[in-house]
N, C-alpha and C. Protein backbone atom coordinates (compact mmCIF):
# COMPACT_ATOMS: atom_id res chain seq x y z
N MET A 1 -10.67 -13.43 8.17
CA MET A 1 -9.32 -13.23 8.14
C MET A 1 -8.42 -14.34 8.63
N CYS A 2 -7.07 -14.22 8.29
CA CYS A 2 -6.05 -14.66 9.26
C CYS A 2 -5.27 -13.80 9.12
N LEU A 3 -4.46 -13.94 10.38
CA LEU A 3 -3.04 -13.19 10.63
C LEU A 3 -1.81 -13.90 10.79
N TYR A 4 -0.74 -13.45 10.29
CA TYR A 4 0.62 -14.17 10.41
C TYR A 4 1.38 -13.28 11.24
N GLY A 5 1.48 -13.72 12.52
CA GLY A 5 2.43 -13.39 13.46
C GLY A 5 1.95 -13.61 14.48
N ALA A 6 2.26 -14.54 15.65
CA ALA A 6 1.63 -14.72 16.69
C ALA A 6 2.07 -14.36 17.98
N SER A 7 2.01 -13.29 18.05
CA SER A 7 2.96 -12.91 19.06
C SER A 7 2.07 -11.26 20.10
N GLY A 8 2.34 -10.25 20.58
CA GLY A 8 2.16 -9.31 21.28
C GLY A 8 1.53 -8.45 20.59
N HIS A 9 2.37 -8.14 19.55
CA HIS A 9 1.37 -7.28 18.52
C HIS A 9 0.49 -7.87 17.31
N GLY A 10 0.55 -9.34 17.40
CA GLY A 10 -0.85 -10.14 16.99
C GLY A 10 -2.07 -10.05 17.92
N LYS A 11 -1.68 -9.62 19.29
CA LYS A 11 -2.78 -9.56 20.16
C LYS A 11 -3.92 -8.40 20.00
N VAL A 12 -2.97 -7.31 19.41
CA VAL A 12 -3.55 -5.71 19.32
C VAL A 12 -4.16 -5.94 18.38
N VAL A 13 -3.29 -6.70 16.88
CA VAL A 13 -4.54 -6.53 15.56
C VAL A 13 -5.41 -7.62 15.58
N LYS A 14 -5.46 -8.28 16.43
CA LYS A 14 -6.98 -9.30 16.77
C LYS A 14 -7.76 -8.83 17.22
N GLN A 15 -7.53 -7.81 18.18
CA GLN A 15 -8.64 -6.67 19.03
C GLN A 15 -9.32 -5.63 18.01
N ILE A 16 -8.42 -5.37 17.56
CA ILE A 16 -8.92 -4.64 16.24
C ILE A 16 -9.81 -4.85 15.39
N ALA A 17 -9.47 -6.16 14.90
CA ALA A 17 -10.72 -6.76 14.10
C ALA A 17 -11.21 -6.99 14.77
N ASN A 18 -11.49 -7.60 16.09
CA ASN A 18 -12.83 -7.95 16.76
C ASN A 18 -13.41 -6.65 17.04
N ASN A 19 -13.13 -5.76 17.23
CA ASN A 19 -13.79 -4.40 17.55
C ASN A 19 -14.56 -3.75 15.90
N LEU A 20 -13.72 -4.40 15.06
CA LEU A 20 -14.52 -4.27 14.24
C LEU A 20 -15.97 -5.11 13.30
N GLY A 21 -16.06 -6.48 14.29
CA GLY A 21 -17.05 -7.47 13.95
C GLY A 21 -16.02 -8.39 13.25
N MET A 22 -14.91 -8.40 13.33
CA MET A 22 -14.47 -9.24 12.15
C MET A 22 -13.65 -10.63 12.78
N ASP A 23 -14.08 -11.77 12.47
CA ASP A 23 -13.60 -13.18 13.06
C ASP A 23 -12.15 -13.37 12.40
N VAL A 24 -11.16 -13.29 13.45
CA VAL A 24 -9.77 -14.14 13.03
C VAL A 24 -10.01 -15.53 13.03
N ALA A 25 -9.72 -16.29 12.01
CA ALA A 25 -9.88 -17.59 11.90
C ALA A 25 -8.70 -18.45 12.45
N PHE A 26 -7.79 -17.85 12.23
CA PHE A 26 -6.80 -18.65 12.45
C PHE A 26 -5.23 -17.44 12.50
N PHE A 27 -4.28 -18.03 13.50
CA PHE A 27 -3.13 -17.23 13.22
C PHE A 27 -2.13 -17.96 12.20
N PHE A 28 -0.92 -17.76 12.03
CA PHE A 28 0.16 -18.65 11.51
C PHE A 28 1.47 -17.94 11.84
N ASP A 29 2.21 -18.62 12.21
CA ASP A 29 3.71 -18.62 12.73
C ASP A 29 4.48 -19.56 13.07
N ASP A 30 5.84 -19.17 12.83
CA ASP A 30 6.64 -20.47 12.33
C ASP A 30 7.22 -21.27 13.82
N ASN A 31 7.11 -20.50 15.00
CA ASN A 31 7.00 -21.05 15.98
C ASN A 31 6.14 -22.12 16.38
N PRO A 32 7.33 -23.53 16.49
CA PRO A 32 6.39 -24.78 16.71
C PRO A 32 6.01 -25.03 18.09
N ASP A 33 6.45 -23.86 19.18
CA ASP A 33 5.49 -23.94 20.61
C ASP A 33 4.48 -23.38 20.81
N VAL A 34 4.03 -22.48 19.90
CA VAL A 34 2.93 -21.72 19.90
C VAL A 34 1.87 -22.32 19.40
N LYS A 35 0.91 -22.91 19.85
CA LYS A 35 -0.24 -23.48 19.59
C LYS A 35 -1.50 -22.79 19.62
N LEU A 36 -1.62 -21.60 20.54
CA LEU A 36 -3.11 -21.34 20.63
C LEU A 36 -2.59 -19.59 21.43
N LEU A 37 -3.16 -18.89 20.53
CA LEU A 37 -3.14 -17.45 20.82
C LEU A 37 -4.38 -16.26 20.97
N GLN A 38 -4.65 -16.30 22.44
CA GLN A 38 -6.03 -15.73 22.67
C GLN A 38 -7.20 -16.57 22.35
N ASP A 39 -7.04 -17.88 22.26
CA ASP A 39 -8.21 -18.62 22.00
C ASP A 39 -8.13 -18.61 20.59
N THR A 40 -7.31 -18.05 19.97
CA THR A 40 -7.09 -18.98 18.34
C THR A 40 -6.01 -19.63 18.43
N VAL A 41 -6.33 -20.60 17.42
CA VAL A 41 -5.41 -21.79 16.86
C VAL A 41 -4.44 -20.80 15.78
N VAL A 42 -3.10 -21.40 16.36
CA VAL A 42 -1.82 -20.96 15.60
C VAL A 42 -1.31 -22.18 14.90
N LYS A 43 -1.22 -21.85 13.40
CA LYS A 43 -0.89 -22.96 12.51
C LYS A 43 0.10 -22.64 12.06
N HIS A 44 1.11 -23.89 11.62
CA HIS A 44 2.65 -23.32 10.88
C HIS A 44 2.50 -23.00 9.95
N THR A 45 3.16 -22.44 9.51
CA THR A 45 3.43 -21.79 7.83
C THR A 45 3.43 -22.39 6.91
N ASP A 46 3.84 -23.71 7.24
CA ASP A 46 3.53 -24.70 5.92
C ASP A 46 2.02 -25.04 5.37
N GLU A 47 1.55 -24.87 6.31
CA GLU A 47 0.06 -25.22 6.00
C GLU A 47 -0.96 -23.64 5.51
N LEU A 48 -0.08 -22.62 4.80
CA LEU A 48 -0.49 -21.53 4.11
C LEU A 48 -0.95 -21.60 2.97
N ASN A 49 -0.89 -23.03 2.04
CA ASN A 49 -1.45 -22.97 0.81
C ASN A 49 -2.72 -23.53 0.71
N GLU A 50 -3.42 -23.92 1.92
CA GLU A 50 -4.49 -24.49 2.26
C GLU A 50 -5.61 -23.60 2.43
N PHE A 51 -5.06 -22.10 2.61
CA PHE A 51 -5.85 -20.66 2.82
C PHE A 51 -5.80 -19.59 2.20
N THR A 52 -5.36 -20.08 1.00
CA THR A 52 -5.45 -19.08 -0.12
C THR A 52 -6.71 -18.19 -0.50
N GLU A 53 -7.84 -18.79 -0.20
CA GLU A 53 -8.87 -17.53 -0.05
C GLU A 53 -8.87 -16.83 0.84
N HIS A 54 -8.50 -16.93 2.10
CA HIS A 54 -8.43 -16.09 3.10
C HIS A 54 -8.17 -14.83 2.93
N ASN A 55 -8.21 -13.83 3.34
CA ASN A 55 -8.10 -12.54 3.63
C ASN A 55 -6.78 -12.42 4.57
N PHE A 56 -6.23 -11.64 4.53
CA PHE A 56 -4.93 -11.82 5.79
C PHE A 56 -4.14 -10.47 6.07
N LEU A 57 -3.44 -10.14 7.04
CA LEU A 57 -3.07 -8.96 7.62
C LEU A 57 -1.72 -9.64 8.02
N ILE A 58 -0.66 -9.23 7.81
CA ILE A 58 0.91 -9.22 9.11
C ILE A 58 0.87 -8.77 10.06
N SER A 59 0.79 -9.46 11.23
CA SER A 59 0.96 -8.94 12.37
C SER A 59 2.15 -9.32 13.05
N ILE A 60 2.92 -8.57 12.42
CA ILE A 60 4.51 -8.22 12.94
C ILE A 60 4.91 -7.07 12.50
N GLY A 61 5.90 -6.88 14.04
CA GLY A 61 6.00 -5.43 14.16
C GLY A 61 7.38 -5.07 13.58
N ASN A 62 8.59 -6.08 13.08
CA ASN A 62 9.40 -5.75 12.59
C ASN A 62 9.25 -5.34 11.12
N ASN A 63 9.67 -4.10 10.62
CA ASN A 63 9.23 -3.92 9.32
C ASN A 63 9.89 -4.85 8.29
N ARG A 64 11.38 -5.42 8.70
CA ARG A 64 12.04 -6.16 7.75
C ARG A 64 11.47 -7.51 7.31
N VAL A 65 11.05 -7.86 8.20
CA VAL A 65 10.53 -8.97 8.11
C VAL A 65 8.99 -9.07 7.69
N ARG A 66 8.29 -7.98 8.15
CA ARG A 66 6.98 -7.93 7.43
C ARG A 66 7.10 -8.00 5.63
N LYS A 67 8.24 -7.05 5.39
CA LYS A 67 8.20 -7.12 3.94
C LYS A 67 8.67 -8.63 3.16
N LYS A 68 9.44 -9.34 4.17
CA LYS A 68 9.87 -10.67 3.35
C LYS A 68 8.54 -11.63 3.25
N VAL A 69 7.87 -11.31 4.32
CA VAL A 69 6.34 -12.16 4.45
C VAL A 69 5.51 -12.14 3.42
N THR A 70 5.63 -10.82 3.10
CA THR A 70 4.50 -10.63 1.95
C THR A 70 4.40 -11.22 0.63
N LYS A 71 6.18 -12.03 0.70
CA LYS A 71 6.44 -12.67 -0.52
C LYS A 71 5.81 -13.90 -0.31
N LYS A 72 5.57 -14.47 1.15
CA LYS A 72 5.01 -15.84 0.88
C LYS A 72 3.71 -15.98 0.77
N LEU A 73 3.11 -14.70 0.85
CA LEU A 73 1.37 -14.54 1.12
C LEU A 73 0.50 -14.18 -0.27
N PRO A 74 -0.18 -15.08 -0.28
CA PRO A 74 -0.94 -14.95 -1.34
C PRO A 74 -1.73 -12.83 -1.34
N ASN A 75 -2.11 -12.46 -2.65
CA ASN A 75 -2.19 -11.16 -2.36
C ASN A 75 -3.48 -10.14 -1.72
N ASN A 76 -4.01 -10.81 -1.27
CA ASN A 76 -5.29 -10.56 -0.67
C ASN A 76 -5.25 -10.22 0.59
N PHE A 77 -4.81 -8.96 0.86
CA PHE A 77 -4.49 -8.16 2.40
C PHE A 77 -5.59 -7.26 1.96
N ILE A 78 -5.83 -7.18 3.44
CA ILE A 78 -7.21 -6.15 3.86
C ILE A 78 -6.33 -5.36 4.87
N LYS A 79 -6.72 -3.81 5.11
CA LYS A 79 -6.78 -3.13 6.26
C LYS A 79 -7.60 -2.83 6.85
N LEU A 80 -6.74 -2.38 8.25
CA LEU A 80 -7.66 -2.52 9.35
C LEU A 80 -7.65 -1.20 9.95
N ILE A 81 -8.71 -0.13 10.51
CA ILE A 81 -8.74 0.61 11.13
C ILE A 81 -9.34 0.76 12.27
N ASP A 82 -8.82 0.97 13.77
CA ASP A 82 -9.69 0.83 14.74
C ASP A 82 -10.75 1.79 14.86
N VAL A 83 -11.89 1.17 15.36
CA VAL A 83 -13.06 2.17 15.54
C VAL A 83 -12.81 3.24 16.50
N SER A 84 -11.66 3.58 17.38
CA SER A 84 -11.40 4.57 18.17
C SER A 84 -10.82 5.68 17.16
N SER A 85 -10.24 5.44 16.18
CA SER A 85 -9.38 6.22 15.80
C SER A 85 -10.26 7.28 14.62
N SER A 86 -9.40 8.46 14.16
CA SER A 86 -10.14 9.01 13.51
C SER A 86 -9.12 9.54 12.18
N VAL A 87 -9.89 8.97 10.99
CA VAL A 87 -8.86 8.82 9.75
C VAL A 87 -9.88 9.74 8.80
N ALA A 88 -9.05 11.00 8.18
CA ALA A 88 -9.81 11.93 7.52
C ALA A 88 -10.26 11.16 6.40
N ASP A 89 -11.45 12.18 5.68
CA ASP A 89 -12.36 10.90 4.79
C ASP A 89 -11.41 11.27 3.30
N ASN A 90 -10.37 12.10 3.18
CA ASN A 90 -9.93 12.09 1.87
C ASN A 90 -8.54 11.75 2.04
N ALA A 91 -8.39 11.10 3.43
CA ALA A 91 -6.99 10.04 3.15
C ALA A 91 -6.66 9.18 2.90
N VAL A 92 -5.75 8.59 2.43
CA VAL A 92 -5.59 7.19 1.58
C VAL A 92 -4.60 6.19 2.39
N VAL A 93 -5.25 5.36 2.57
CA VAL A 93 -4.84 4.33 3.60
C VAL A 93 -4.92 2.66 2.48
N ASN A 94 -3.21 2.27 1.83
CA ASN A 94 -3.66 0.91 1.41
C ASN A 94 -3.94 -0.24 1.96
N ASN A 95 -3.40 -1.37 1.40
CA ASN A 95 -3.87 -2.81 2.06
C ASN A 95 -2.78 -3.24 2.80
N GLY A 96 -2.68 -3.97 3.55
CA GLY A 96 -2.01 -4.22 4.39
C GLY A 96 -1.60 -3.47 5.84
N THR A 97 -2.09 -2.41 5.97
CA THR A 97 -1.64 -1.44 7.19
C THR A 97 -2.56 -1.55 8.14
N VAL A 98 -2.38 -1.04 9.25
CA VAL A 98 -2.97 -1.33 10.33
C VAL A 98 -3.04 0.05 11.14
N ILE A 99 -4.14 0.70 11.20
CA ILE A 99 -4.25 1.76 12.41
C ILE A 99 -4.69 1.48 13.75
N MET A 100 -4.06 1.75 14.48
CA MET A 100 -4.36 1.41 16.31
C MET A 100 -5.24 2.29 16.92
N PRO A 101 -5.43 1.74 18.20
CA PRO A 101 -6.36 2.60 18.41
C PRO A 101 -5.98 4.24 18.80
N LYS A 102 -6.87 4.87 18.96
CA LYS A 102 -6.33 6.50 19.15
C LYS A 102 -5.91 7.48 18.16
N VAL A 103 -5.41 6.54 16.78
CA VAL A 103 -4.61 7.51 16.26
C VAL A 103 -5.40 8.59 15.43
N VAL A 104 -4.41 9.66 14.69
CA VAL A 104 -5.06 10.48 13.99
C VAL A 104 -4.71 10.98 12.75
N ILE A 105 -5.13 10.74 11.70
CA ILE A 105 -4.93 10.67 10.54
C ILE A 105 -5.47 11.97 9.82
N ASN A 106 -4.95 13.02 9.51
CA ASN A 106 -5.56 14.41 8.98
C ASN A 106 -5.55 14.37 7.08
N SER A 107 -6.07 15.42 6.93
CA SER A 107 -6.54 15.48 5.94
C SER A 107 -5.48 15.44 4.52
N ASP A 108 -5.75 14.67 3.99
CA ASP A 108 -4.43 14.40 2.58
C ASP A 108 -3.49 13.95 2.51
N VAL A 109 -3.41 12.77 3.57
CA VAL A 109 -2.31 11.78 4.02
C VAL A 109 -2.57 10.83 3.18
N LYS A 110 -1.27 10.24 2.67
CA LYS A 110 -0.89 9.20 2.07
C LYS A 110 -0.51 8.29 2.53
N ILE A 111 -1.03 6.70 2.80
CA ILE A 111 -0.23 5.82 3.72
C ILE A 111 -0.07 4.91 2.64
N GLY A 112 0.98 4.22 2.55
CA GLY A 112 1.40 2.92 1.61
C GLY A 112 0.86 1.47 2.64
N GLU A 113 1.53 0.64 1.62
CA GLU A 113 1.09 -0.75 2.32
C GLU A 113 1.69 -1.36 3.03
N HIS A 114 0.98 -2.35 4.25
CA HIS A 114 2.10 -3.11 5.13
C HIS A 114 2.55 -2.02 6.69
N VAL A 115 1.95 -0.63 6.30
CA VAL A 115 2.29 0.07 7.46
C VAL A 115 1.68 0.03 9.09
N ILE A 116 2.28 0.65 9.46
CA ILE A 116 2.08 0.23 11.19
C ILE A 116 1.75 1.65 11.74
N ILE A 117 0.68 2.25 11.72
CA ILE A 117 0.42 3.38 12.79
C ILE A 117 0.02 2.84 14.25
N ASN A 118 1.11 3.07 14.98
CA ASN A 118 0.75 2.45 16.58
C ASN A 118 -0.12 3.89 17.13
N SER A 119 -0.80 2.80 18.66
CA SER A 119 -1.58 3.59 19.31
C SER A 119 -1.09 4.94 19.85
N ALA A 120 -2.35 6.18 19.51
CA ALA A 120 -2.54 7.45 19.45
C ALA A 120 -1.35 8.24 19.17
N ALA A 121 -0.85 7.74 17.94
CA ALA A 121 0.07 8.60 16.65
C ALA A 121 -0.82 9.33 16.30
N VAL A 122 0.08 10.90 15.93
CA VAL A 122 -0.82 11.68 14.84
C VAL A 122 -0.19 11.61 13.54
N VAL A 123 -0.41 11.53 12.75
CA VAL A 123 -0.14 11.86 11.15
C VAL A 123 -1.01 13.28 10.50
N ASP A 124 -0.07 14.28 10.40
CA ASP A 124 -1.08 15.61 10.18
C ASP A 124 -1.07 15.89 8.48
N HIS A 125 -1.45 16.81 8.01
CA HIS A 125 -2.07 16.99 7.07
C HIS A 125 -0.97 16.73 5.90
N ASP A 126 -1.07 16.36 4.54
CA ASP A 126 -0.47 16.17 3.54
C ASP A 126 1.06 15.33 3.59
N CYS A 127 0.94 14.30 4.54
CA CYS A 127 1.91 13.56 5.09
C CYS A 127 2.37 12.26 3.93
N VAL A 128 3.07 11.72 3.76
CA VAL A 128 3.06 10.48 2.42
C VAL A 128 3.86 9.72 3.27
N ILE A 129 3.31 8.43 3.75
CA ILE A 129 4.10 7.93 4.44
C ILE A 129 4.12 6.04 3.33
N ASP A 130 5.59 6.31 3.23
CA ASP A 130 5.37 4.64 2.29
C ASP A 130 5.71 3.69 3.02
N SER A 131 5.62 2.65 2.06
CA SER A 131 5.23 1.23 2.70
C SER A 131 6.53 0.99 3.61
N PHE A 132 6.03 -0.45 4.45
CA PHE A 132 6.31 -0.86 5.63
C PHE A 132 7.16 -0.01 6.74
N VAL A 133 6.34 1.45 6.85
CA VAL A 133 6.58 2.11 8.04
C VAL A 133 5.90 1.68 9.34
N HIS A 134 6.97 1.96 10.43
CA HIS A 134 6.22 1.76 11.57
C HIS A 134 6.52 3.04 12.34
N ILE A 135 5.02 3.74 12.50
CA ILE A 135 5.18 4.87 13.56
C ILE A 135 4.72 4.46 15.16
N SER A 136 5.49 4.51 16.09
CA SER A 136 5.45 4.00 17.25
C SER A 136 4.33 4.80 18.32
N PRO A 137 4.00 4.26 18.88
CA PRO A 137 2.68 5.08 20.11
C PRO A 137 3.19 6.43 20.66
N ASN A 138 2.16 7.65 20.08
CA ASN A 138 2.28 8.89 20.96
C ASN A 138 3.44 9.52 19.87
N ALA A 139 4.03 9.30 18.50
CA ALA A 139 4.69 10.06 17.90
C ALA A 139 3.83 10.72 17.21
N THR A 140 4.42 11.68 16.78
CA THR A 140 3.68 13.11 16.27
C THR A 140 4.39 13.28 14.70
N ILE A 141 3.67 13.22 13.81
CA ILE A 141 4.14 13.55 12.72
C ILE A 141 3.45 14.62 11.72
N THR A 142 3.54 15.99 12.16
CA THR A 142 3.49 16.79 11.45
C THR A 142 3.29 17.39 9.96
N GLY A 143 2.69 18.48 9.51
CA GLY A 143 2.46 18.31 8.25
C GLY A 143 3.50 18.67 7.30
N ASN A 144 2.84 17.69 5.99
CA ASN A 144 3.86 17.81 4.53
C ASN A 144 5.01 16.73 5.11
N VAL A 145 4.96 15.98 5.92
CA VAL A 145 6.46 15.32 5.94
C VAL A 145 6.30 13.98 4.94
N LYS A 146 7.47 13.57 4.51
CA LYS A 146 7.82 12.17 3.95
C LYS A 146 8.55 11.49 4.67
N ILE A 147 8.00 10.21 4.55
CA ILE A 147 8.86 9.02 5.15
C ILE A 147 9.08 7.70 4.11
N GLY A 148 10.07 7.67 4.19
CA GLY A 148 10.25 6.43 3.14
C GLY A 148 10.24 5.05 3.67
N GLU A 149 9.99 4.04 2.72
CA GLU A 149 9.98 2.97 3.00
C GLU A 149 10.91 1.96 4.07
N GLY A 150 9.77 1.66 5.25
CA GLY A 150 10.37 0.55 5.97
C GLY A 150 11.21 1.42 7.05
N THR A 151 10.90 2.45 7.59
CA THR A 151 11.36 3.63 8.70
C THR A 151 10.95 3.39 9.50
N HIS A 152 11.41 3.36 10.67
CA HIS A 152 10.83 2.74 12.10
C HIS A 152 11.14 4.77 13.05
N ILE A 153 9.79 4.90 13.35
CA ILE A 153 9.58 6.43 14.09
C ILE A 153 9.30 5.70 15.63
N GLY A 154 10.34 5.78 16.27
CA GLY A 154 10.15 5.42 17.77
C GLY A 154 9.00 6.05 18.67
N ALA A 155 8.80 5.66 19.90
CA ALA A 155 7.79 5.88 20.65
C ALA A 155 7.87 7.24 21.12
N GLY A 156 7.01 8.25 20.48
CA GLY A 156 6.92 9.64 21.66
C GLY A 156 7.78 10.65 20.52
N ALA A 157 8.46 10.47 19.44
CA ALA A 157 9.06 10.98 18.66
C ALA A 157 8.58 12.35 17.95
N THR A 158 9.31 13.48 17.37
CA THR A 158 8.23 14.42 16.77
C THR A 158 8.90 15.02 15.65
N VAL A 159 8.38 15.09 14.72
CA VAL A 159 8.98 15.32 13.30
C VAL A 159 8.39 16.56 12.86
N ILE A 160 8.92 17.69 12.98
CA ILE A 160 8.42 18.95 12.81
C ILE A 160 7.98 19.09 11.02
N PRO A 161 7.13 20.45 10.72
CA PRO A 161 6.51 20.37 9.24
C PRO A 161 7.87 20.04 8.20
N ASN A 162 7.87 19.64 7.11
CA ASN A 162 8.39 19.84 5.74
C ASN A 162 9.58 19.32 5.86
N ILE A 163 9.60 18.22 6.69
CA ILE A 163 10.75 16.97 6.58
C ILE A 163 10.43 16.15 5.67
N THR A 164 11.70 15.64 5.07
CA THR A 164 11.78 14.23 4.47
C THR A 164 12.66 13.40 5.31
N ILE A 165 12.09 12.59 5.54
CA ILE A 165 13.11 11.06 6.32
C ILE A 165 13.06 10.37 5.08
N GLY A 166 14.47 9.69 5.03
CA GLY A 166 14.48 8.36 3.76
C GLY A 166 14.20 7.16 4.27
N LYS A 167 14.29 6.13 3.45
CA LYS A 167 14.35 4.73 3.61
C LYS A 167 14.96 4.28 4.33
N TRP A 168 14.54 3.37 5.48
CA TRP A 168 14.83 2.41 6.39
C TRP A 168 15.72 3.05 7.40
N VAL A 169 15.15 4.25 7.64
CA VAL A 169 15.82 5.00 8.88
C VAL A 169 15.28 4.17 10.49
N THR A 170 15.83 4.61 11.21
CA THR A 170 15.20 4.47 12.36
C THR A 170 15.37 6.15 13.30
N ILE A 171 14.38 5.98 14.09
CA ILE A 171 14.48 7.49 15.06
C ILE A 171 14.37 6.70 16.01
N GLY A 172 14.98 7.21 17.05
CA GLY A 172 14.74 6.59 18.27
C GLY A 172 13.43 7.21 19.28
N ALA A 173 13.10 6.21 20.37
CA ALA A 173 12.01 7.09 20.95
C ALA A 173 12.36 8.75 21.69
N GLY A 174 11.39 9.61 21.43
CA GLY A 174 11.46 10.63 21.99
C GLY A 174 12.26 11.87 21.21
N THR A 175 12.89 11.01 20.26
CA THR A 175 13.81 11.86 19.23
C THR A 175 12.76 13.26 18.50
N VAL A 176 13.45 14.74 18.54
CA VAL A 176 13.06 15.50 17.58
C VAL A 176 13.39 15.73 16.50
N ILE A 177 13.24 15.40 15.32
CA ILE A 177 13.55 15.61 13.94
C ILE A 177 13.15 16.93 13.26
N ILE A 178 14.39 18.19 12.94
CA ILE A 178 14.23 19.40 12.48
C ILE A 178 15.08 19.38 11.54
N LYS A 179 15.35 17.96 10.69
CA LYS A 179 15.98 18.38 9.56
C LYS A 179 15.98 17.30 8.65
N ASP A 180 16.14 17.38 7.15
CA ASP A 180 15.95 15.97 6.59
C ASP A 180 16.71 15.03 7.18
N ILE A 181 16.63 13.84 6.91
CA ILE A 181 17.14 12.52 7.40
C ILE A 181 17.74 11.73 6.23
N PRO A 182 18.56 10.96 5.82
CA PRO A 182 19.23 10.47 4.87
C PRO A 182 18.90 9.11 5.06
N ASP A 183 18.61 8.37 3.68
CA ASP A 183 18.21 6.68 4.00
C ASP A 183 19.40 5.91 4.90
N TYR A 184 18.99 5.00 5.69
CA TYR A 184 19.45 4.36 6.42
C TYR A 184 19.97 4.87 7.68
N ALA A 185 19.66 6.12 7.94
CA ALA A 185 20.43 6.57 9.44
C ALA A 185 20.01 6.04 10.48
N VAL A 186 20.14 6.02 11.13
CA VAL A 186 19.74 5.80 12.94
C VAL A 186 20.30 7.43 13.93
N VAL A 187 18.81 7.83 13.87
CA VAL A 187 18.80 9.15 14.90
C VAL A 187 18.53 9.23 16.09
N VAL A 188 18.93 10.03 17.24
CA VAL A 188 18.33 9.93 18.39
C VAL A 188 18.60 11.27 18.89
N GLY A 189 18.25 11.54 20.21
CA GLY A 189 18.21 12.84 20.51
C GLY A 189 17.11 14.05 20.61
N ASN A 190 17.15 15.24 20.86
CA ASN A 190 16.46 16.52 20.96
C ASN A 190 17.52 17.76 20.69
N PRO A 191 17.97 18.28 19.82
CA PRO A 191 17.34 17.72 18.05
C PRO A 191 18.31 16.34 18.00
N GLY A 192 17.49 15.48 16.94
CA GLY A 192 17.70 14.29 16.32
C GLY A 192 19.34 14.53 15.86
N LYS A 193 20.22 13.33 16.20
CA LYS A 193 21.53 13.44 15.58
C LYS A 193 21.93 12.39 14.72
N ILE A 194 22.61 12.05 13.86
CA ILE A 194 23.05 10.74 13.35
C ILE A 194 24.04 10.00 13.80
N VAL A 195 23.26 8.95 14.55
CA VAL A 195 24.50 8.48 15.39
C VAL A 195 25.47 7.22 14.64
N LYS A 196 24.72 6.53 13.70
CA LYS A 196 25.08 5.73 12.86
C LYS A 196 24.09 5.08 11.86
N TYR A 197 24.83 4.38 10.79
CA TYR A 197 23.74 3.85 9.90
C TYR A 197 23.53 2.18 9.75
N ASN A 198 22.16 2.13 9.31
CA ASN A 198 21.62 0.36 9.23
C ASN A 198 22.57 0.05 8.26
N LYS A 199 23.65 -0.46 8.01
CA LYS A 199 24.36 -1.18 7.01
C LYS A 199 23.32 -2.69 6.18
N TYR A 200 22.89 -2.75 7.06
CA TYR A 200 22.31 -4.38 6.62
C TYR A 200 21.53 -4.01 5.76
N GLU A 201 20.84 -2.54 5.51
CA GLU A 201 19.93 -2.38 4.52
C GLU A 201 20.70 -1.79 3.49
N ARG A 202 21.98 -1.41 3.30
CA ARG A 202 22.58 -0.63 2.37
C ARG A 202 22.40 -1.84 1.05
């Protein structure tokens, strides 16, 4: 397999692949100064056409960038679930998604494409996580929560049950969400309050 994105996030994704017994053949990145990452060769994205037979995963933390990159790559994406994570048998995890160490995904959760569920996050029963979402380390998403495309849930944030969060929302680290959040909102605090909107996504 190959990883697109040679950065700190890429290091963690590579380790997850290695833990699963998978070999990362190459990283791809636009930065011409990065030639090697953890003993793996970094190729420039101009060379992508030579590797269309490989499986890919995008190892970039930024949700907007990750969505743009999907248009550059062949559609043979895989998913990675770290061996230390607990994922319910009836949970659905789509391709392009990475489940990082110590994550808990409970019953009847549905996770879209190219999602990041970061270390030690919890996603409880019946949640629906749309594509390109990033749930940061130690965040807690309780039961029956819906999270729209491209939303970023900050580290240590908590979302109470039966909440709907719109698309391309930013939830700050440690924020507690106790009511529905509209599209593009930026929310911080306990309880969470909207402080502005992500205008670039409108």
